[in-house]
């Protein structure tokens, strides 16, 4: 809901393993990968 309110949004930074999985929508082995 917060992202929907960001009408000027250009880029999302996913910080950390759990955030990365949520934002890309699939399992990741590590942040480095």
ModelCIF file with pLDDT and N, C-alpha, C, O atoms, coordinates in Angstrom:
data_MODEL
#
_entry.id   MODEL 
#
_entity.id                         1 
_entity.type                       polymer 
_entity.pdbx_number_of_molecules   1 
#
_entity_poly.entity_id                      1 
_entity_poly.type                           'polypeptide(L)' 
_entity_poly.nstd_linkage                   no 
_entity_poly.nstd_monomer                   no 
_entity_poly.pdbx_seq_one_letter_code       
;(UNK)(UNK)(UNK)(UNK)(UNK)(UNK)(UNK)(UNK)(UNK)(UNK)(UNK)(UNK)(UNK)(UNK)(UNK)(UNK)
(UNK)(UNK)(UNK)(UNK)(UNK)(UNK)(UNK)(UNK)(UNK)(UNK)(UNK)(UNK)(UNK)(UNK)(UNK)(UNK)
(UNK)
;
_entity_poly.pdbx_seq_one_letter_code_can   XXXXXXXXXXXXXXXXXXXXXXXXXXXXXXXXX 
_entity_poly.pdbx_strand_id                 A 
#
loop_
_entity_poly_seq.entity_id 
_entity_poly_seq.num 
_entity_poly_seq.mon_id 
_entity_poly_seq.hetero 
1 1  UNK n 
1 2  UNK n 
1 3  UNK n 
1 4  UNK n 
1 5  UNK n 
1 6  UNK n 
1 7  UNK n 
1 8  UNK n 
1 9  UNK n 
1 10 UNK n 
1 11 UNK n 
1 12 UNK n 
1 13 UNK n 
1 14 UNK n 
1 15 UNK n 
1 16 UNK n 
1 17 UNK n 
1 18 UNK n 
1 19 UNK n 
1 20 UNK n 
1 21 UNK n 
1 22 UNK n 
1 23 UNK n 
1 24 UNK n 
1 25 UNK n 
1 26 UNK n 
1 27 UNK n 
1 28 UNK n 
1 29 UNK n 
1 30 UNK n 
1 31 UNK n 
1 32 UNK n 
1 33 UNK n 
#
_struct_asym.id          A 
_struct_asym.entity_id   1 
#
loop_
_ma_qa_metric.id 
_ma_qa_metric.mode 
_ma_qa_metric.name 
_ma_qa_metric.software_group_id 
_ma_qa_metric.type 
1 global pLDDT . pLDDT 
2 local  pLDDT . pLDDT 
#
_ma_qa_metric_global.metric_id      1 
_ma_qa_metric_global.metric_value   94.82 
_ma_qa_metric_global.model_id       1 
_ma_qa_metric_global.ordinal_id     1 
#
loop_
_ma_qa_metric_local.label_asym_id 
_ma_qa_metric_local.label_comp_id 
_ma_qa_metric_local.label_seq_id 
_ma_qa_metric_local.metric_id 
_ma_qa_metric_local.metric_value 
_ma_qa_metric_local.model_id 
_ma_qa_metric_local.ordinal_id 
A UNK 1  2 95.00 1 1  
A UNK 2  2 96.00 1 2  
A UNK 3  2 96.00 1 3  
A UNK 4  2 94.00 1 4  
A UNK 5  2 95.00 1 5  
A UNK 6  2 95.00 1 6  
A UNK 7  2 94.00 1 7  
A UNK 8  2 96.00 1 8  
A UNK 9  2 96.00 1 9  
A UNK 10 2 97.00 1 10 
A UNK 11 2 98.00 1 11 
A UNK 12 2 98.00 1 12 
A UNK 13 2 98.00 1 13 
A UNK 14 2 98.00 1 14 
A UNK 15 2 97.00 1 15 
A UNK 16 2 94.00 1 16 
A UNK 17 2 93.00 1 17 
A UNK 18 2 94.00 1 18 
A UNK 19 2 96.00 1 19 
A UNK 20 2 97.00 1 20 
A UNK 21 2 95.00 1 21 
A UNK 22 2 95.00 1 22 
A UNK 23 2 95.00 1 23 
A UNK 24 2 94.00 1 24 
A UNK 25 2 92.00 1 25 
A UNK 26 2 92.00 1 26 
A UNK 27 2 93.00 1 27 
A UNK 28 2 91.00 1 28 
A UNK 29 2 91.00 1 29 
A UNK 30 2 93.00 1 30 
A UNK 31 2 94.00 1 31 
A UNK 32 2 93.00 1 32 
A UNK 33 2 94.00 1 33 
#
loop_
_atom_site.group_PDB 
_atom_site.id 
_atom_site.type_symbol 
_atom_site.label_atom_id 
_atom_site.label_alt_id 
_atom_site.label_comp_id 
_atom_site.label_asym_id 
_atom_site.label_entity_id 
_atom_site.label_seq_id 
_atom_site.pdbx_PDB_ins_code 
_atom_site.Cartn_x 
_atom_site.Cartn_y 
_atom_site.Cartn_z 
_atom_site.occupancy 
_atom_site.B_iso_or_equiv 
_atom_site.pdbx_formal_charge 
_atom_site.auth_seq_id 
_atom_site.auth_comp_id 
_atom_site.auth_asym_id 
_atom_site.auth_atom_id 
_atom_site.pdbx_PDB_model_num 
ATOM 1   N N  . UNK A 1 1  ? 0.826  -1.212  0.000   1.00 95.00 ? 1  UNK A N  1 
ATOM 2   C CA . UNK A 1 1  ? 0.000  0.000   0.000   1.00 95.00 ? 1  UNK A CA 1 
ATOM 3   C C  . UNK A 1 1  ? 0.857  1.258   0.000   1.00 95.00 ? 1  UNK A C  1 
ATOM 4   O O  . UNK A 1 1  ? 0.510  2.248   -0.643  1.00 95.00 ? 1  UNK A O  1 
ATOM 5   N N  . UNK A 1 2  ? 1.973  1.223   0.717   1.00 96.00 ? 2  UNK A N  1 
ATOM 6   C CA . UNK A 1 2  ? 2.854  2.388   0.710   1.00 96.00 ? 2  UNK A CA 1 
ATOM 7   C C  . UNK A 1 2  ? 3.449  2.608   -0.679  1.00 96.00 ? 2  UNK A C  1 
ATOM 8   O O  . UNK A 1 2  ? 3.525  3.743   -1.151  1.00 96.00 ? 2  UNK A O  1 
ATOM 9   N N  . UNK A 1 3  ? 3.868  1.528   -1.330  1.00 96.00 ? 3  UNK A N  1 
ATOM 10  C CA . UNK A 1 3  ? 4.433  1.669   -2.673  1.00 96.00 ? 3  UNK A CA 1 
ATOM 11  C C  . UNK A 1 3  ? 3.407  2.236   -3.646  1.00 96.00 ? 3  UNK A C  1 
ATOM 12  O O  . UNK A 1 3  ? 3.754  3.022   -4.528  1.00 96.00 ? 3  UNK A O  1 
ATOM 13  N N  . UNK A 1 4  ? 2.160  1.846   -3.492  1.00 94.00 ? 4  UNK A N  1 
ATOM 14  C CA . UNK A 1 4  ? 1.113  2.352   -4.391  1.00 94.00 ? 4  UNK A CA 1 
ATOM 15  C C  . UNK A 1 4  ? 0.941  3.856   -4.277  1.00 94.00 ? 4  UNK A C  1 
ATOM 16  O O  . UNK A 1 4  ? 0.574  4.523   -5.245  1.00 94.00 ? 4  UNK A O  1 
ATOM 17  N N  . UNK A 1 5  ? 1.208  4.390   -3.085  1.00 95.00 ? 5  UNK A N  1 
ATOM 18  C CA . UNK A 1 5  ? 1.080  5.826   -2.873  1.00 95.00 ? 5  UNK A CA 1 
ATOM 19  C C  . UNK A 1 5  ? 2.259  6.619   -3.434  1.00 95.00 ? 5  UNK A C  1 
ATOM 20  O O  . UNK A 1 5  ? 2.189  7.844   -3.531  1.00 95.00 ? 5  UNK A O  1 
ATOM 21  N N  . UNK A 1 6  ? 3.332  5.937   -3.802  1.00 95.00 ? 6  UNK A N  1 
ATOM 22  C CA . UNK A 1 6  ? 4.538  6.611   -4.286  1.00 95.00 ? 6  UNK A CA 1 
ATOM 23  C C  . UNK A 1 6  ? 4.454  6.817   -5.802  1.00 95.00 ? 6  UNK A C  1 
ATOM 24  O O  . UNK A 1 6  ? 4.963  6.005   -6.574  1.00 95.00 ? 6  UNK A O  1 
ATOM 25  N N  . UNK A 1 7  ? 3.828  7.872   -6.204  1.00 94.00 ? 7  UNK A N  1 
ATOM 26  C CA . UNK A 1 7  ? 3.562  8.113   -7.625  1.00 94.00 ? 7  UNK A CA 1 
ATOM 27  C C  . UNK A 1 7  ? 4.816  8.467   -8.424  1.00 94.00 ? 7  UNK A C  1 
ATOM 28  O O  . UNK A 1 7  ? 4.814  8.356   -9.650  1.00 94.00 ? 7  UNK A O  1 
ATOM 29  N N  . UNK A 1 8  ? 5.883  8.890   -7.751  1.00 96.00 ? 8  UNK A N  1 
ATOM 30  C CA . UNK A 1 8  ? 7.133  9.243   -8.444  1.00 96.00 ? 8  UNK A CA 1 
ATOM 31  C C  . UNK A 1 8  ? 8.187  8.142   -8.359  1.00 96.00 ? 8  UNK A C  1 
ATOM 32  O O  . UNK A 1 8  ? 9.343  8.356   -8.725  1.00 96.00 ? 8  UNK A O  1 
ATOM 33  N N  . UNK A 1 9  ? 7.794  6.973   -7.880  1.00 96.00 ? 9  UNK A N  1 
ATOM 34  C CA . UNK A 1 9  ? 8.747  5.904   -7.612  1.00 96.00 ? 9  UNK A CA 1 
ATOM 35  C C  . UNK A 1 9  ? 9.481  5.450   -8.871  1.00 96.00 ? 9  UNK A C  1 
ATOM 36  O O  . UNK A 1 9  ? 8.865  5.143   -9.891  1.00 96.00 ? 9  UNK A O  1 
ATOM 37  N N  . UNK A 1 10 ? 10.815 5.414   -8.777  1.00 97.00 ? 10 UNK A N  1 
ATOM 38  C CA . UNK A 1 10 ? 11.660 4.984   -9.889  1.00 97.00 ? 10 UNK A CA 1 
ATOM 39  C C  . UNK A 1 10 ? 12.421 3.696   -9.583  1.00 97.00 ? 10 UNK A C  1 
ATOM 40  O O  . UNK A 1 10 ? 12.671 2.897   -10.486 1.00 97.00 ? 10 UNK A O  1 
ATOM 41  N N  . UNK A 1 11 ? 12.792 3.487   -8.315  1.00 98.00 ? 11 UNK A N  1 
ATOM 42  C CA . UNK A 1 11 ? 13.629 2.339   -7.975  1.00 98.00 ? 11 UNK A CA 1 
ATOM 43  C C  . UNK A 1 11 ? 13.375 1.929   -6.525  1.00 98.00 ? 11 UNK A C  1 
ATOM 44  O O  . UNK A 1 11 ? 13.181 2.772   -5.648  1.00 98.00 ? 11 UNK A O  1 
ATOM 45  N N  . UNK A 1 12 ? 13.381 0.614   -6.296  1.00 98.00 ? 12 UNK A N  1 
ATOM 46  C CA . UNK A 1 12 ? 13.202 0.046   -4.957  1.00 98.00 ? 12 UNK A CA 1 
ATOM 47  C C  . UNK A 1 12 ? 14.493 -0.662  -4.553  1.00 98.00 ? 12 UNK A C  1 
ATOM 48  O O  . UNK A 1 12 ? 15.032 -1.471  -5.308  1.00 98.00 ? 12 UNK A O  1 
ATOM 49  N N  . UNK A 1 13 ? 14.979 -0.348  -3.357  1.00 98.00 ? 13 UNK A N  1 
ATOM 50  C CA . UNK A 1 13 ? 16.161 -1.018  -2.823  1.00 98.00 ? 13 UNK A CA 1 
ATOM 51  C C  . UNK A 1 13 ? 15.693 -2.080  -1.829  1.00 98.00 ? 13 UNK A C  1 
ATOM 52  O O  . UNK A 1 13 ? 15.027 -1.761  -0.844  1.00 98.00 ? 13 UNK A O  1 
ATOM 53  N N  . UNK A 1 14 ? 16.039 -3.327  -2.084  1.00 98.00 ? 14 UNK A N  1 
ATOM 54  C CA . UNK A 1 14 ? 15.713 -4.428  -1.176  1.00 98.00 ? 14 UNK A CA 1 
ATOM 55  C C  . UNK A 1 14 ? 16.934 -4.719  -0.324  1.00 98.00 ? 14 UNK A C  1 
ATOM 56  O O  . UNK A 1 14 ? 17.940 -5.216  -0.829  1.00 98.00 ? 14 UNK A O  1 
ATOM 57  N N  . UNK A 1 15 ? 16.855 -4.412  0.975   1.00 97.00 ? 15 UNK A N  1 
ATOM 58  C CA . UNK A 1 15 ? 18.003 -4.549  1.871   1.00 97.00 ? 15 UNK A CA 1 
ATOM 59  C C  . UNK A 1 15 ? 17.868 -5.786  2.732   1.00 97.00 ? 15 UNK A C  1 
ATOM 60  O O  . UNK A 1 15 ? 17.064 -5.823  3.664   1.00 97.00 ? 15 UNK A O  1 
ATOM 61  N N  . UNK A 1 16 ? 18.660 -6.799  2.417   1.00 94.00 ? 16 UNK A N  1 
ATOM 62  C CA . UNK A 1 16 ? 18.640 -8.023  3.196   1.00 94.00 ? 16 UNK A CA 1 
ATOM 63  C C  . UNK A 1 16 ? 17.883 -9.144  2.505   1.00 94.00 ? 16 UNK A C  1 
ATOM 64  O O  . UNK A 1 16 ? 17.044 -8.909  1.636   1.00 94.00 ? 16 UNK A O  1 
ATOM 65  N N  . UNK A 1 17 ? 18.199 -10.373 2.913   1.00 93.00 ? 17 UNK A N  1 
ATOM 66  C CA . UNK A 1 17 ? 17.687 -11.575 2.260   1.00 93.00 ? 17 UNK A CA 1 
ATOM 67  C C  . UNK A 1 17 ? 16.163 -11.623 2.191   1.00 93.00 ? 17 UNK A C  1 
ATOM 68  O O  . UNK A 1 17 ? 15.600 -11.862 1.123   1.00 93.00 ? 17 UNK A O  1 
ATOM 69  N N  . UNK A 1 18 ? 15.483 -11.395 3.335   1.00 94.00 ? 18 UNK A N  1 
ATOM 70  C CA . UNK A 1 18 ? 14.022 -11.497 3.357   1.00 94.00 ? 18 UNK A CA 1 
ATOM 71  C C  . UNK A 1 18 ? 13.374 -10.439 2.464   1.00 94.00 ? 18 UNK A C  1 
ATOM 72  O O  . UNK A 1 18 ? 12.397 -10.721 1.771   1.00 94.00 ? 18 UNK A O  1 
ATOM 73  N N  . UNK A 1 19 ? 13.914 -9.238  2.483   1.00 96.00 ? 19 UNK A N  1 
ATOM 74  C CA . UNK A 1 19 ? 13.376 -8.171  1.635   1.00 96.00 ? 19 UNK A CA 1 
ATOM 75  C C  . UNK A 1 19 ? 13.586 -8.494  0.161   1.00 96.00 ? 19 UNK A C  1 
ATOM 76  O O  . UNK A 1 19 ? 12.711 -8.238  -0.666  1.00 96.00 ? 19 UNK A O  1 
ATOM 77  N N  . UNK A 1 20 ? 14.731 -9.047  -0.162  1.00 97.00 ? 20 UNK A N  1 
ATOM 78  C CA . UNK A 1 20 ? 15.011 -9.391  -1.554  1.00 97.00 ? 20 UNK A CA 1 
ATOM 79  C C  . UNK A 1 20 ? 14.026 -10.447 -2.047  1.00 97.00 ? 20 UNK A C  1 
ATOM 80  O O  . UNK A 1 20 ? 13.473 -10.320 -3.139  1.00 97.00 ? 20 UNK A O  1 
ATOM 81  N N  . UNK A 1 21 ? 13.806 -11.492 -1.240  1.00 95.00 ? 21 UNK A N  1 
ATOM 82  C CA . UNK A 1 21 ? 12.860 -12.533 -1.645  1.00 95.00 ? 21 UNK A CA 1 
ATOM 83  C C  . UNK A 1 21 ? 11.462 -11.971 -1.862  1.00 95.00 ? 21 UNK A C  1 
ATOM 84  O O  . UNK A 1 21 ? 10.788 -12.336 -2.825  1.00 95.00 ? 21 UNK A O  1 
ATOM 85  N N  . UNK A 1 22 ? 11.027 -11.095 -0.983  1.00 95.00 ? 22 UNK A N  1 
ATOM 86  C CA . UNK A 1 22 ? 9.700  -10.507 -1.137  1.00 95.00 ? 22 UNK A CA 1 
ATOM 87  C C  . UNK A 1 22 ? 9.583  -9.670  -2.407  1.00 95.00 ? 22 UNK A C  1 
ATOM 88  O O  . UNK A 1 22 ? 8.574  -9.731  -3.109  1.00 95.00 ? 22 UNK A O  1 
ATOM 89  N N  . UNK A 1 23 ? 10.611 -8.896  -2.693  1.00 95.00 ? 23 UNK A N  1 
ATOM 90  C CA . UNK A 1 23 ? 10.536 -7.977  -3.830  1.00 95.00 ? 23 UNK A CA 1 
ATOM 91  C C  . UNK A 1 23 ? 10.711 -8.670  -5.170  1.00 95.00 ? 23 UNK A C  1 
ATOM 92  O O  . UNK A 1 23 ? 10.118 -8.240  -6.159  1.00 95.00 ? 23 UNK A O  1 
ATOM 93  N N  . UNK A 1 24 ? 11.514 -9.739  -5.234  1.00 94.00 ? 24 UNK A N  1 
ATOM 94  C CA . UNK A 1 24 ? 11.688 -10.398 -6.525  1.00 94.00 ? 24 UNK A CA 1 
ATOM 95  C C  . UNK A 1 24 ? 10.763 -11.602 -6.670  1.00 94.00 ? 24 UNK A C  1 
ATOM 96  O O  . UNK A 1 24 ? 10.647 -12.179 -7.751  1.00 94.00 ? 24 UNK A O  1 
ATOM 97  N N  . UNK A 1 25 ? 10.097 -11.980 -5.559  1.00 92.00 ? 25 UNK A N  1 
ATOM 98  C CA . UNK A 1 25 ? 9.054  -12.985 -5.637  1.00 92.00 ? 25 UNK A CA 1 
ATOM 99  C C  . UNK A 1 25 ? 9.514  -14.419 -5.743  1.00 92.00 ? 25 UNK A C  1 
ATOM 100 O O  . UNK A 1 25 ? 8.759  -15.278 -6.199  1.00 92.00 ? 25 UNK A O  1 
ATOM 101 N N  . UNK A 1 26 ? 10.748 -14.697 -5.326  1.00 92.00 ? 26 UNK A N  1 
ATOM 102 C CA . UNK A 1 26 ? 11.223 -16.086 -5.357  1.00 92.00 ? 26 UNK A CA 1 
ATOM 103 C C  . UNK A 1 26 ? 12.385 -16.264 -4.384  1.00 92.00 ? 26 UNK A C  1 
ATOM 104 O O  . UNK A 1 26 ? 12.955 -15.293 -3.886  1.00 92.00 ? 26 UNK A O  1 
ATOM 105 N N  . UNK A 1 27 ? 12.723 -17.532 -4.127  1.00 93.00 ? 27 UNK A N  1 
ATOM 106 C CA . UNK A 1 27 ? 13.798 -17.853 -3.193  1.00 93.00 ? 27 UNK A CA 1 
ATOM 107 C C  . UNK A 1 27 ? 15.155 -17.424 -3.745  1.00 93.00 ? 27 UNK A C  1 
ATOM 108 O O  . UNK A 1 27 ? 15.424 -17.566 -4.937  1.00 93.00 ? 27 UNK A O  1 
ATOM 109 N N  . UNK A 1 28 ? 16.006 -16.897 -2.865  1.00 91.00 ? 28 UNK A N  1 
ATOM 110 C CA . UNK A 1 28 ? 17.385 -16.588 -3.239  1.00 91.00 ? 28 UNK A CA 1 
ATOM 111 C C  . UNK A 1 28 ? 18.317 -17.280 -2.245  1.00 91.00 ? 28 UNK A C  1 
ATOM 112 O O  . UNK A 1 28 ? 18.020 -17.360 -1.053  1.00 91.00 ? 28 UNK A O  1 
ATOM 113 N N  . UNK A 1 29 ? 19.435 -17.774 -2.744  1.00 91.00 ? 29 UNK A N  1 
ATOM 114 C CA . UNK A 1 29 ? 20.391 -18.481 -1.896  1.00 91.00 ? 29 UNK A CA 1 
ATOM 115 C C  . UNK A 1 29 ? 21.109 -17.543 -0.944  1.00 91.00 ? 29 UNK A C  1 
ATOM 116 O O  . UNK A 1 29 ? 21.374 -17.897 0.205   1.00 91.00 ? 29 UNK A O  1 
ATOM 117 N N  . UNK A 1 30 ? 21.425 -16.345 -1.423  1.00 93.00 ? 30 UNK A N  1 
ATOM 118 C CA . UNK A 1 30 ? 22.153 -15.384 -0.601  1.00 93.00 ? 30 UNK A CA 1 
ATOM 119 C C  . UNK A 1 30 ? 22.020 -13.998 -1.210  1.00 93.00 ? 30 UNK A C  1 
ATOM 120 O O  . UNK A 1 30 ? 21.642 -13.845 -2.371  1.00 93.00 ? 30 UNK A O  1 
ATOM 121 N N  . UNK A 1 31 ? 22.334 -12.999 -0.406  1.00 94.00 ? 31 UNK A N  1 
ATOM 122 C CA . UNK A 1 31 ? 22.323 -11.619 -0.910  1.00 94.00 ? 31 UNK A CA 1 
ATOM 123 C C  . UNK A 1 31 ? 23.354 -11.458 -2.019  1.00 94.00 ? 31 UNK A C  1 
ATOM 124 O O  . UNK A 1 31 ? 23.101 -10.781 -3.015  1.00 94.00 ? 31 UNK A O  1 
ATOM 125 N N  . UNK A 1 32 ? 24.502 -12.073 -1.849  1.00 93.00 ? 32 UNK A N  1 
ATOM 126 C CA . UNK A 1 32 ? 25.565 -11.978 -2.857  1.00 93.00 ? 32 UNK A CA 1 
ATOM 127 C C  . UNK A 1 32 ? 25.084 -12.524 -4.199  1.00 93.00 ? 32 UNK A C  1 
ATOM 128 O O  . UNK A 1 32 ? 25.303 -11.895 -5.234  1.00 93.00 ? 32 UNK A O  1 
ATOM 129 N N  . UNK A 1 33 ? 24.433 -13.685 -4.194  1.00 94.00 ? 33 UNK A N  1 
ATOM 130 C CA . UNK A 1 33 ? 23.907 -14.258 -5.432  1.00 94.00 ? 33 UNK A CA 1 
ATOM 131 C C  . UNK A 1 33 ? 22.878 -13.341 -6.076  1.00 94.00 ? 33 UNK A C  1 
ATOM 132 O O  . UNK A 1 33 ? 22.332 -13.669 -7.129  1.00 94.00 ? 33 UNK A O  1 
#
